[in-house]
Amino acid sequence: MSTPKMPIEELTALITVYHRVSPTELDQALESLWSQTRPAAEVVLVEDGPLPDALEAIVVKHEAQHPNLRVKRCAVNRGSGPASQEGLELVCTDWVARLDADDIAVPERFQRQWELHIEKPELGVIGSALAEFEGAPDNVVRVRKLPQTHEQIVSYAKMNSPVNNPSSLLRVDAVRAVGGYRDVPLMEDYDLWVRLLAAGVRFENMPEPLVKFRADGMLGRRSAQGIFAAELRMQRTLVELGLIGRPRALFNLAARTAFRLLPTAAMSRAYKRLFLR
């Protein structure tokens, strides 16, 4: 008989899922939460609108197997920001860990991040690098690292999202204090990070990849419909928060738009230079 794993009583894991997620991918994501060396005390899963039968069957299976799984079924698909906020409102612990419905947390993820929290209790956001894979989870093609220290993260946030959202561990009261997740399509995570930074919350990114990130088709998604409007709104938010001035916002908008307009091969090369350390 295996020894029961000691859960982190102050931690809830939060996932949102919508109809386009593969049943296999959601199953792998949830299994990675149950396989943690120090699992979360509770898992909150938000269904962002009705799911296909095969995908709903995965949710029902895990509900039956894990009494600490709470499922919020939303009648309408509203997007990542509103769905994340629905989940946040159900969190009863001091900390929440995010994971995307198609990604996989490595077994030591929560334990490693919690150890850093104990070592540095002043931190309010803890992220990590991502191991990007294509096809099978073992087919890791690259590691995405972001700046590690708080000071580096503040500087980096003036140009780009400074935390890999699927790796994030967040202090719940800090997130609620800045208004939680907002309905800002394609920029929900970046929008939250900069509001937390402007409020003085301390950040740190761990250099080891604690999440396996599904990278199939990722560069194509970076030129999604509506992305220019999202970029424009994001730059306005950065200016409103006093993190950058208008000239820097115009530069950011031009540079980020130019990146998204690159051919796929050139975008891939630029991505490696910008994000792979």
Protein backbone atom coordinates (compact mmCIF):
# COMPACT_ATOMS: atom_id res chain seq x y z
CA MET A 1 0.00 0.00 0.00
CA SER A 2 1.36 3.41 -0.96
CA THR A 3 1.86 6.08 1.70
CA PRO A 4 -0.86 8.79 1.56
CA LYS A 5 0.47 12.08 0.21
CA MET A 6 0.31 15.07 2.52
CA PRO A 7 -1.83 17.74 0.85
CA ILE A 8 -1.08 21.44 1.07
CA GLU A 9 -4.10 22.55 3.09
CA GLU A 10 -3.73 26.23 2.13
CA LEU A 11 -3.75 25.49 -1.63
CA THR A 12 -6.45 25.08 -4.29
CA ALA A 13 -5.69 24.21 -7.92
CA LEU A 14 -7.85 25.99 -10.52
CA ILE A 15 -8.48 24.85 -14.11
CA THR A 16 -10.92 26.20 -16.69
CA VAL A 17 -12.02 24.09 -19.66
CA TYR A 18 -14.10 24.77 -22.75
CA HIS A 19 -15.47 22.74 -25.64
CA ARG A 20 -12.34 22.74 -27.82
CA VAL A 21 -10.13 20.92 -25.32
CA SER A 22 -9.40 17.28 -26.11
CA PRO A 23 -10.76 14.76 -23.57
CA THR A 24 -7.34 13.09 -23.45
CA GLU A 25 -5.63 16.41 -22.73
CA LEU A 26 -8.00 17.26 -19.87
CA ASP A 27 -7.60 13.77 -18.45
CA GLN A 28 -3.80 14.17 -18.46
CA ALA A 29 -4.02 17.60 -16.84
CA LEU A 30 -6.24 16.37 -14.01
CA GLU A 31 -4.18 13.23 -13.48
CA SER A 32 -1.10 15.43 -13.07
CA LEU A 33 -2.81 17.18 -10.16
CA TRP A 34 -3.66 13.96 -8.37
CA SER A 35 -0.07 12.74 -8.94
CA GLN A 36 1.57 15.65 -7.10
CA THR A 37 4.04 14.74 -4.35
CA ARG A 38 2.22 17.42 -2.31
CA PRO A 39 -1.24 17.77 -3.88
CA ALA A 40 -3.57 20.71 -3.44
CA ALA A 41 -6.24 20.33 -0.77
CA GLU A 42 -8.92 21.02 -3.37
CA VAL A 43 -9.25 21.29 -7.15
CA VAL A 44 -11.76 23.67 -8.74
CA LEU A 45 -12.72 22.99 -12.37
CA VAL A 46 -14.80 25.55 -14.27
CA GLU A 47 -16.64 24.42 -17.38
CA ASP A 48 -16.74 27.54 -19.56
CA GLY A 49 -19.99 26.67 -21.32
CA PRO A 50 -21.43 23.26 -22.29
CA LEU A 51 -18.91 20.53 -23.12
CA PRO A 52 -19.14 17.72 -25.70
CA ASP A 53 -20.24 14.40 -24.21
CA ALA A 54 -16.75 12.84 -24.38
CA LEU A 55 -15.20 15.79 -22.57
CA GLU A 56 -17.96 15.92 -19.95
CA ALA A 57 -17.42 12.20 -19.37
CA ILE A 58 -13.84 12.94 -18.28
CA VAL A 59 -15.08 15.51 -15.78
CA VAL A 60 -17.70 13.12 -14.41
CA LYS A 61 -15.09 10.35 -14.07
CA HIS A 62 -12.81 12.53 -12.01
CA GLU A 63 -15.71 13.82 -9.91
CA ALA A 64 -16.56 10.25 -8.98
CA GLN A 65 -12.96 9.37 -8.13
CA HIS A 66 -11.96 12.54 -6.24
CA PRO A 67 -14.30 14.07 -3.66
CA ASN A 68 -12.05 17.13 -3.37
CA LEU A 69 -12.85 18.11 -6.99
CA ARG A 70 -15.43 20.91 -7.20
CA VAL A 71 -16.97 21.54 -10.62
CA LYS A 72 -18.65 24.79 -11.66
CA ARG A 73 -20.75 24.30 -14.81
CA CYS A 74 -21.43 27.57 -16.62
CA ALA A 75 -24.35 27.68 -19.04
CA VAL A 76 -22.60 30.01 -21.51
CA ASN A 77 -19.04 30.21 -22.87
CA ARG A 78 -17.78 33.64 -21.74
CA GLY A 79 -14.02 33.28 -22.16
CA SER A 80 -10.97 32.66 -20.02
CA GLY A 81 -11.16 35.79 -17.86
CA PRO A 82 -14.78 35.39 -16.67
CA ALA A 83 -14.34 31.62 -16.26
CA SER A 84 -11.19 32.14 -14.16
CA GLN A 85 -13.04 34.67 -12.01
CA GLU A 86 -15.89 32.20 -11.50
CA GLY A 87 -13.34 29.71 -10.23
CA LEU A 88 -11.54 32.24 -8.05
CA GLU A 89 -14.81 33.02 -6.27
CA LEU A 90 -15.03 29.36 -5.23
CA VAL A 91 -11.53 29.22 -3.75
CA CYS A 92 -11.56 28.97 0.06
CA THR A 93 -7.80 28.66 0.62
CA ASP A 94 -5.10 31.32 0.92
CA TRP A 95 -3.34 30.23 -2.27
CA VAL A 96 -4.42 29.13 -5.74
CA ALA A 97 -2.36 27.34 -8.40
CA ARG A 98 -3.28 27.67 -12.05
CA LEU A 99 -2.99 25.01 -14.74
CA ASP A 100 -4.36 25.04 -18.28
CA ALA A 101 -6.68 22.21 -19.24
CA ASP A 102 -4.26 20.92 -21.89
CA ASP A 103 -1.03 21.14 -19.88
CA ILE A 104 0.63 18.86 -17.33
CA ALA A 105 2.09 19.71 -13.92
CA VAL A 106 5.24 17.75 -13.14
CA PRO A 107 4.87 15.70 -9.91
CA GLU A 108 7.07 17.97 -7.79
CA ARG A 109 5.52 21.25 -8.95
CA PHE A 110 3.40 22.18 -5.91
CA GLN A 111 5.97 20.92 -3.44
CA ARG A 112 8.79 22.93 -5.03
CA GLN A 113 6.73 26.13 -5.26
CA TRP A 114 5.44 25.75 -1.71
CA GLU A 115 8.98 25.33 -0.42
CA LEU A 116 9.89 28.65 -2.05
CA HIS A 117 6.83 30.28 -0.48
CA ILE A 118 7.97 29.06 2.96
CA GLU A 119 11.49 30.32 2.28
CA LYS A 120 10.26 33.70 0.99
CA PRO A 121 6.86 34.46 2.56
CA GLU A 122 6.90 37.98 1.12
CA LEU A 123 6.16 36.58 -2.36
CA GLY A 124 2.63 36.85 -3.72
CA VAL A 125 3.17 35.28 -7.15
CA ILE A 126 5.46 32.34 -7.90
CA GLY A 127 5.90 31.08 -11.46
CA SER A 128 8.27 28.70 -13.18
CA ALA A 129 9.75 27.83 -16.54
CA LEU A 130 7.73 25.69 -18.98
CA ALA A 131 8.87 22.56 -20.80
CA GLU A 132 7.19 22.98 -24.18
CA PHE A 133 6.27 19.72 -25.89
CA GLU A 134 4.73 18.72 -29.20
CA GLY A 135 2.68 15.56 -29.62
CA ALA A 136 3.56 13.29 -26.70
CA PRO A 137 4.37 14.90 -23.31
CA ASP A 138 7.83 13.32 -23.34
CA ASN A 139 8.67 15.06 -26.62
CA VAL A 140 10.00 18.27 -25.05
CA VAL A 141 11.22 20.58 -27.81
CA ARG A 142 12.34 23.59 -25.77
CA VAL A 143 12.18 25.23 -22.34
CA ARG A 144 10.62 28.65 -21.92
CA LYS A 145 12.17 30.67 -19.09
CA LEU A 146 11.20 34.17 -17.98
CA PRO A 147 13.11 36.62 -15.78
CA GLN A 148 13.57 35.27 -12.26
CA THR A 149 13.86 38.11 -9.74
CA HIS A 150 11.17 40.63 -8.86
CA GLU A 151 13.18 43.54 -10.23
CA GLN A 152 13.76 41.74 -13.54
CA ILE A 153 10.07 40.83 -13.72
CA VAL A 154 8.98 44.46 -13.19
CA SER A 155 11.21 45.56 -16.06
CA TYR A 156 10.12 42.72 -18.35
CA ALA A 157 6.43 43.37 -17.69
CA LYS A 158 6.74 46.73 -19.44
CA MET A 159 7.05 44.83 -22.72
CA ASN A 160 5.69 41.31 -22.25
CA SER A 161 3.75 39.05 -19.89
CA PRO A 162 6.24 38.20 -17.10
CA VAL A 163 4.81 34.92 -15.75
CA ASN A 164 3.91 31.66 -17.47
CA ASN A 165 0.28 31.47 -16.35
CA PRO A 166 -0.04 27.64 -16.25
CA SER A 167 2.84 27.61 -13.76
CA SER A 168 1.54 30.33 -11.45
CA LEU A 169 0.97 30.07 -7.70
CA LEU A 170 -0.98 33.09 -6.41
CA ARG A 171 -1.88 34.60 -3.07
CA VAL A 172 -5.67 34.75 -3.26
CA ASP A 173 -6.23 37.89 -1.18
CA ALA A 174 -3.76 39.82 -3.38
CA VAL A 175 -5.58 38.78 -6.55
CA ARG A 176 -8.95 39.71 -5.08
CA ALA A 177 -7.61 43.05 -3.87
CA VAL A 178 -6.82 44.15 -7.43
CA GLY A 179 -10.19 43.03 -8.80
CA GLY A 180 -9.42 39.45 -9.79
CA TYR A 181 -9.57 38.31 -13.41
CA ARG A 182 -11.10 40.76 -15.88
CA ASP A 183 -12.79 40.12 -19.22
CA VAL A 184 -9.90 41.13 -21.48
CA PRO A 185 -9.78 38.47 -24.23
CA LEU A 186 -6.32 37.15 -25.13
CA MET A 187 -4.62 39.20 -22.39
CA GLU A 188 -6.31 38.03 -19.15
CA ASP A 189 -3.10 36.83 -17.52
CA TYR A 190 -0.88 39.75 -18.55
CA ASP A 191 -3.60 42.14 -17.37
CA LEU A 192 -3.64 40.49 -13.93
CA TRP A 193 0.15 40.44 -13.58
CA VAL A 194 0.58 44.15 -14.23
CA ARG A 195 -2.21 45.09 -11.81
CA LEU A 196 -0.56 42.97 -9.12
CA LEU A 197 2.84 44.53 -9.85
CA ALA A 198 1.38 48.03 -9.71
CA ALA A 199 -0.11 47.14 -6.31
CA GLY A 200 3.33 46.20 -4.99
CA VAL A 201 2.92 42.41 -4.93
CA ARG A 202 6.28 40.59 -5.00
CA PHE A 203 6.97 38.11 -7.82
CA GLU A 204 9.53 35.40 -8.51
CA ASN A 205 9.94 32.87 -11.33
CA MET A 206 11.64 29.56 -10.63
CA PRO A 207 14.14 28.56 -13.33
CA GLU A 208 13.21 24.88 -13.47
CA PRO A 209 10.33 23.78 -15.75
CA LEU A 210 7.55 22.65 -13.40
CA VAL A 211 4.85 22.44 -16.08
CA LYS A 212 4.78 20.67 -19.42
CA PHE A 213 3.15 23.05 -21.93
CA ARG A 214 1.42 21.78 -25.06
CA ALA A 215 3.06 23.81 -27.84
CA ASP A 216 1.37 22.32 -30.94
CA GLY A 217 0.21 25.22 -33.12
CA MET A 218 1.29 27.77 -30.52
CA LEU A 219 2.80 30.30 -32.93
CA GLY A 220 -0.32 30.24 -35.06
CA ARG A 221 -2.40 31.22 -32.02
CA ARG A 222 -0.23 34.28 -31.50
CA SER A 223 -1.88 35.91 -34.53
CA ALA A 224 -5.46 35.13 -33.47
CA GLN A 225 -8.39 37.28 -34.56
CA GLY A 226 -8.81 40.32 -32.34
CA ILE A 227 -5.22 40.33 -31.17
CA PHE A 228 -4.49 43.93 -32.27
CA ALA A 229 -7.42 45.29 -30.26
CA ALA A 230 -6.21 43.24 -27.29
CA GLU A 231 -2.67 44.60 -27.68
CA LEU A 232 -3.98 48.18 -27.84
CA ARG A 233 -6.01 47.73 -24.67
CA MET A 234 -3.05 46.15 -22.90
CA GLN A 235 -0.80 49.10 -23.67
CA ARG A 236 -3.45 51.49 -22.39
CA THR A 237 -3.59 49.51 -19.16
CA LEU A 238 0.19 49.72 -18.75
CA VAL A 239 0.01 53.49 -19.20
CA GLU A 240 -2.94 53.87 -16.81
CA LEU A 241 -1.07 51.93 -14.13
CA GLY A 242 1.98 54.17 -14.53
CA LEU A 243 4.26 51.32 -15.55
CA ILE A 244 5.16 52.93 -18.89
CA GLY A 245 4.59 56.23 -20.73
CA ARG A 246 2.76 56.77 -24.00
CA PRO A 247 5.90 56.76 -26.20
CA ARG A 248 6.88 53.35 -24.79
CA ALA A 249 3.31 52.12 -25.32
CA LEU A 250 3.47 53.09 -29.00
CA PHE A 251 6.82 51.36 -29.37
CA ASN A 252 5.47 48.23 -27.67
CA LEU A 253 2.41 48.17 -29.88
CA ALA A 254 4.49 48.49 -33.04
CA ALA A 255 7.08 45.90 -31.95
CA ARG A 256 4.56 43.32 -30.72
CA THR A 257 2.41 43.75 -33.82
CA ALA A 258 5.45 43.38 -36.09
CA PHE A 259 6.38 40.16 -34.28
CA ARG A 260 2.91 38.72 -34.85
CA LEU A 261 3.04 39.59 -38.56
CA LEU A 262 6.27 37.65 -39.15
CA PRO A 263 6.15 34.50 -41.28
CA THR A 264 6.03 31.37 -39.12
CA ALA A 265 9.71 30.47 -39.65
CA ALA A 266 10.89 33.97 -38.77
CA MET A 267 8.49 34.12 -35.81
CA SER A 268 9.92 30.85 -34.54
CA ARG A 269 13.47 32.22 -34.66
CA ALA A 270 12.41 35.43 -32.92
CA TYR A 271 10.51 33.46 -30.28
CA LYS A 272 13.62 31.45 -29.43
CA ARG A 273 15.69 34.61 -29.04
CA LEU A 274 13.08 36.32 -26.87
CA PHE A 275 11.86 33.53 -24.60
CA LEU A 276 14.28 30.62 -24.56
CA ARG A 277 17.09 31.28 -22.11
